């Protein structure tokens, strides 16, 4: 996906809800954050919008999180769980 700064980035999820934002161009981790998950719940799928700020994450328990990412001098992640 293209970020606001013109770089291609991907979301990569790990166990216990850790999500890394990886720049494909430079092969470096731009940021990481954690999504609080339930017991035995794992990340299943994630996607960026074309603007590179909005994203959605689905879990093995069927939960869906939507959020925004702002990478300025520090990482700002706003996250909401859909009920």
N, C-alpha and C. Protein backbone atom coordinates (compact mmCIF):
# COMPACT_ATOMS: atom_id res chain seq x y z
N UNK A 1 0.84 -1.18 0.00
CA UNK A 1 0.00 0.00 0.00
C UNK A 1 0.89 1.25 0.00
N UNK A 2 0.40 2.31 -0.52
CA UNK A 2 1.16 3.55 -0.59
C UNK A 2 0.84 4.40 0.62
N UNK A 3 1.87 4.81 1.34
CA UNK A 3 1.65 5.68 2.49
C UNK A 3 1.56 7.12 2.01
N UNK A 4 1.20 8.02 2.92
CA UNK A 4 1.13 9.44 2.60
C UNK A 4 2.47 10.00 2.16
N UNK A 5 3.55 9.35 2.53
CA UNK A 5 4.88 9.80 2.15
C UNK A 5 5.38 9.12 0.88
N UNK A 6 4.51 8.35 0.21
CA UNK A 6 4.88 7.72 -1.04
C UNK A 6 5.66 6.43 -0.92
N UNK A 7 5.75 5.85 0.27
CA UNK A 7 6.46 4.59 0.43
C UNK A 7 5.47 3.44 0.47
N UNK A 8 5.90 2.30 0.00
CA UNK A 8 5.07 1.10 0.08
C UNK A 8 5.27 0.48 1.45
N UNK A 9 4.16 0.24 2.15
CA UNK A 9 4.22 -0.34 3.49
C UNK A 9 3.27 -1.51 3.59
N UNK A 10 3.57 -2.40 4.51
CA UNK A 10 2.72 -3.55 4.79
C UNK A 10 2.56 -3.71 6.29
N UNK A 11 1.42 -4.27 6.68
CA UNK A 11 1.20 -4.65 8.07
C UNK A 11 1.57 -6.12 8.22
N UNK A 12 2.36 -6.45 9.23
CA UNK A 12 2.72 -7.83 9.51
C UNK A 12 2.34 -8.11 10.95
N UNK A 13 1.50 -9.12 11.16
CA UNK A 13 1.03 -9.46 12.49
C UNK A 13 1.79 -10.63 13.08
N UNK A 14 1.95 -10.58 14.39
CA UNK A 14 2.65 -11.62 15.13
C UNK A 14 1.78 -12.12 16.27
N UNK A 15 2.25 -13.15 16.95
CA UNK A 15 1.52 -13.67 18.10
C UNK A 15 1.32 -12.60 19.16
N UNK A 16 0.30 -12.76 19.94
CA UNK A 16 -0.05 -11.87 21.04
C UNK A 16 -0.43 -10.47 20.56
N UNK A 17 -0.80 -10.33 19.28
CA UNK A 17 -1.34 -9.06 18.79
C UNK A 17 -0.35 -8.01 18.39
N UNK A 18 0.93 -8.34 18.29
CA UNK A 18 1.92 -7.36 17.86
C UNK A 18 1.80 -7.17 16.35
N UNK A 19 1.74 -5.90 15.92
CA UNK A 19 1.64 -5.56 14.50
C UNK A 19 2.81 -4.65 14.15
N UNK A 20 3.55 -5.01 13.09
CA UNK A 20 4.65 -4.18 12.62
C UNK A 20 4.26 -3.54 11.30
N UNK A 21 4.66 -2.28 11.12
CA UNK A 21 4.49 -1.57 9.86
C UNK A 21 5.85 -1.60 9.19
N UNK A 22 5.94 -2.32 8.07
CA UNK A 22 7.22 -2.54 7.41
C UNK A 22 7.23 -1.80 6.07
N UNK A 23 8.31 -1.06 5.83
CA UNK A 23 8.52 -0.38 4.56
C UNK A 23 9.14 -1.37 3.58
N UNK A 24 8.46 -1.62 2.46
CA UNK A 24 8.97 -2.54 1.47
C UNK A 24 10.19 -1.95 0.76
N UNK A 25 10.19 -0.65 0.54
CA UNK A 25 11.30 0.01 -0.16
C UNK A 25 12.63 -0.11 0.60
N UNK A 26 12.60 0.13 1.90
CA UNK A 26 13.84 0.12 2.69
C UNK A 26 14.03 -1.16 3.50
N UNK A 27 13.04 -2.04 3.49
CA UNK A 27 13.07 -3.28 4.27
C UNK A 27 13.34 -3.03 5.75
N UNK A 28 12.69 -2.00 6.30
CA UNK A 28 12.86 -1.71 7.72
C UNK A 28 11.49 -1.58 8.38
N UNK A 29 11.48 -1.81 9.68
CA UNK A 29 10.26 -1.65 10.46
C UNK A 29 10.10 -0.17 10.79
N UNK A 30 9.03 0.45 10.28
CA UNK A 30 8.78 1.86 10.56
C UNK A 30 8.18 2.07 11.94
N UNK A 31 7.36 1.11 12.39
CA UNK A 31 6.70 1.24 13.69
C UNK A 31 6.13 -0.11 14.09
N UNK A 32 5.79 -0.24 15.35
CA UNK A 32 5.06 -1.42 15.81
C UNK A 32 4.14 -1.02 16.94
N UNK A 33 3.04 -1.77 17.05
CA UNK A 33 2.08 -1.55 18.11
C UNK A 33 1.41 -2.88 18.43
N UNK A 34 0.65 -2.91 19.52
CA UNK A 34 0.00 -4.14 19.97
C UNK A 34 -1.50 -3.95 20.04
N UNK A 35 -2.22 -4.97 19.58
CA UNK A 35 -3.68 -5.01 19.70
C UNK A 35 -3.99 -6.01 20.80
N UNK A 36 -4.77 -5.59 21.78
CA UNK A 36 -5.11 -6.48 22.89
C UNK A 36 -6.09 -7.55 22.40
N UNK A 37 -5.69 -8.81 22.54
CA UNK A 37 -6.48 -9.94 22.09
C UNK A 37 -6.91 -10.80 23.28
N UNK A 38 -7.95 -11.60 23.06
CA UNK A 38 -8.41 -12.54 24.08
C UNK A 38 -7.51 -13.77 24.13
N UNK A 39 -7.77 -14.63 25.10
CA UNK A 39 -6.99 -15.87 25.23
C UNK A 39 -7.16 -16.72 23.98
N UNK A 40 -6.05 -17.23 23.47
CA UNK A 40 -5.99 -18.08 22.27
C UNK A 40 -6.49 -17.39 21.00
N UNK A 41 -6.74 -16.09 21.03
CA UNK A 41 -7.14 -15.34 19.84
C UNK A 41 -5.87 -14.92 19.09
N UNK A 42 -5.90 -15.02 17.77
CA UNK A 42 -4.74 -14.63 16.96
C UNK A 42 -5.18 -13.68 15.85
N UNK A 43 -4.23 -12.95 15.31
CA UNK A 43 -4.50 -12.08 14.17
C UNK A 43 -4.67 -12.95 12.93
N UNK A 44 -5.67 -12.66 12.11
CA UNK A 44 -5.93 -13.47 10.94
C UNK A 44 -5.65 -12.72 9.64
N UNK A 45 -6.05 -11.45 9.57
CA UNK A 45 -5.89 -10.69 8.33
C UNK A 45 -5.81 -9.21 8.66
N UNK A 46 -5.06 -8.46 7.84
CA UNK A 46 -4.96 -7.01 8.02
C UNK A 46 -4.77 -6.36 6.66
N UNK A 47 -5.25 -5.12 6.53
CA UNK A 47 -5.08 -4.40 5.28
C UNK A 47 -5.02 -2.90 5.53
N UNK A 48 -4.25 -2.21 4.70
CA UNK A 48 -4.19 -0.75 4.69
C UNK A 48 -5.19 -0.23 3.66
N UNK A 49 -5.65 0.99 3.85
CA UNK A 49 -6.38 1.67 2.78
C UNK A 49 -5.35 2.29 1.84
N UNK A 50 -5.80 2.81 0.73
CA UNK A 50 -4.86 3.39 -0.24
C UNK A 50 -4.16 4.63 0.29
N UNK A 51 -4.74 5.30 1.30
CA UNK A 51 -4.08 6.49 1.84
C UNK A 51 -2.94 6.15 2.79
N UNK A 52 -2.77 4.87 3.15
CA UNK A 52 -1.67 4.45 4.00
C UNK A 52 -1.82 4.82 5.45
N UNK A 53 -2.98 5.31 5.86
CA UNK A 53 -3.20 5.70 7.25
C UNK A 53 -4.27 4.83 7.91
N UNK A 54 -5.30 4.50 7.19
CA UNK A 54 -6.41 3.72 7.74
C UNK A 54 -6.14 2.24 7.50
N UNK A 55 -6.56 1.41 8.46
CA UNK A 55 -6.35 -0.02 8.33
C UNK A 55 -7.47 -0.78 9.03
N UNK A 56 -7.55 -2.07 8.73
CA UNK A 56 -8.50 -2.97 9.38
C UNK A 56 -7.78 -4.27 9.70
N UNK A 57 -8.15 -4.88 10.83
CA UNK A 57 -7.55 -6.14 11.28
C UNK A 57 -8.66 -7.08 11.69
N UNK A 58 -8.59 -8.33 11.24
CA UNK A 58 -9.52 -9.36 11.66
C UNK A 58 -8.80 -10.41 12.49
N UNK A 59 -9.53 -11.04 13.43
CA UNK A 59 -8.92 -12.04 14.30
C UNK A 59 -9.57 -13.40 14.13
N UNK A 60 -8.95 -14.41 14.71
CA UNK A 60 -9.45 -15.78 14.63
C UNK A 60 -10.80 -15.95 15.33
N UNK A 61 -11.14 -15.07 16.26
CA UNK A 61 -12.43 -15.14 16.96
C UNK A 61 -13.53 -14.35 16.24
N UNK A 62 -13.22 -13.80 15.08
CA UNK A 62 -14.20 -13.05 14.31
C UNK A 62 -14.30 -11.58 14.68
N UNK A 63 -13.42 -11.10 15.53
CA UNK A 63 -13.42 -9.69 15.88
C UNK A 63 -12.78 -8.87 14.75
N UNK A 64 -13.28 -7.65 14.57
CA UNK A 64 -12.74 -6.75 13.56
C UNK A 64 -12.37 -5.44 14.25
N UNK A 65 -11.14 -4.98 14.00
CA UNK A 65 -10.65 -3.71 14.51
C UNK A 65 -10.41 -2.79 13.32
N UNK A 66 -10.79 -1.53 13.45
CA UNK A 66 -10.43 -0.53 12.45
C UNK A 66 -9.64 0.56 13.15
N UNK A 67 -8.74 1.19 12.41
CA UNK A 67 -7.91 2.20 13.05
C UNK A 67 -7.23 3.11 12.06
N UNK A 68 -6.52 4.07 12.63
CA UNK A 68 -5.70 4.99 11.84
C UNK A 68 -4.29 5.03 12.44
N UNK A 69 -3.33 5.26 11.58
CA UNK A 69 -1.93 5.35 11.98
C UNK A 69 -1.39 6.69 11.52
N UNK A 70 -0.72 7.37 12.41
CA UNK A 70 -0.05 8.62 12.06
C UNK A 70 1.39 8.50 12.50
N UNK A 71 2.31 8.59 11.54
CA UNK A 71 3.74 8.49 11.83
C UNK A 71 4.38 9.86 11.66
N UNK A 72 4.46 10.59 12.75
CA UNK A 72 5.16 11.87 12.75
C UNK A 72 6.45 11.67 13.54
N UNK A 73 6.70 12.51 14.51
CA UNK A 73 7.86 12.31 15.36
C UNK A 73 7.68 11.10 16.28
N UNK A 74 6.41 10.72 16.51
CA UNK A 74 6.12 9.50 17.25
C UNK A 74 4.91 8.81 16.63
N UNK A 75 4.75 7.54 16.93
CA UNK A 75 3.64 6.76 16.39
C UNK A 75 2.36 7.07 17.16
N UNK A 76 1.30 7.34 16.42
CA UNK A 76 -0.03 7.53 17.01
C UNK A 76 -0.98 6.55 16.34
N UNK A 77 -1.54 5.63 17.13
CA UNK A 77 -2.47 4.64 16.61
C UNK A 77 -3.79 4.82 17.35
N UNK A 78 -4.85 5.01 16.60
CA UNK A 78 -6.20 5.05 17.18
C UNK A 78 -6.92 3.81 16.66
N UNK A 79 -7.49 3.05 17.59
CA UNK A 79 -8.04 1.74 17.25
C UNK A 79 -9.43 1.59 17.86
N UNK A 80 -10.35 1.03 17.09
CA UNK A 80 -11.70 0.75 17.57
C UNK A 80 -12.08 -0.68 17.21
N UNK A 81 -12.78 -1.33 18.12
CA UNK A 81 -13.26 -2.69 17.88
C UNK A 81 -14.71 -2.59 17.45
N UNK A 82 -15.06 -3.25 16.34
CA UNK A 82 -16.45 -3.26 15.88
C UNK A 82 -17.22 -4.31 16.65
N UNK A 83 -18.39 -3.94 17.11
CA UNK A 83 -19.25 -4.91 17.83
C UNK A 83 -20.32 -5.44 16.91
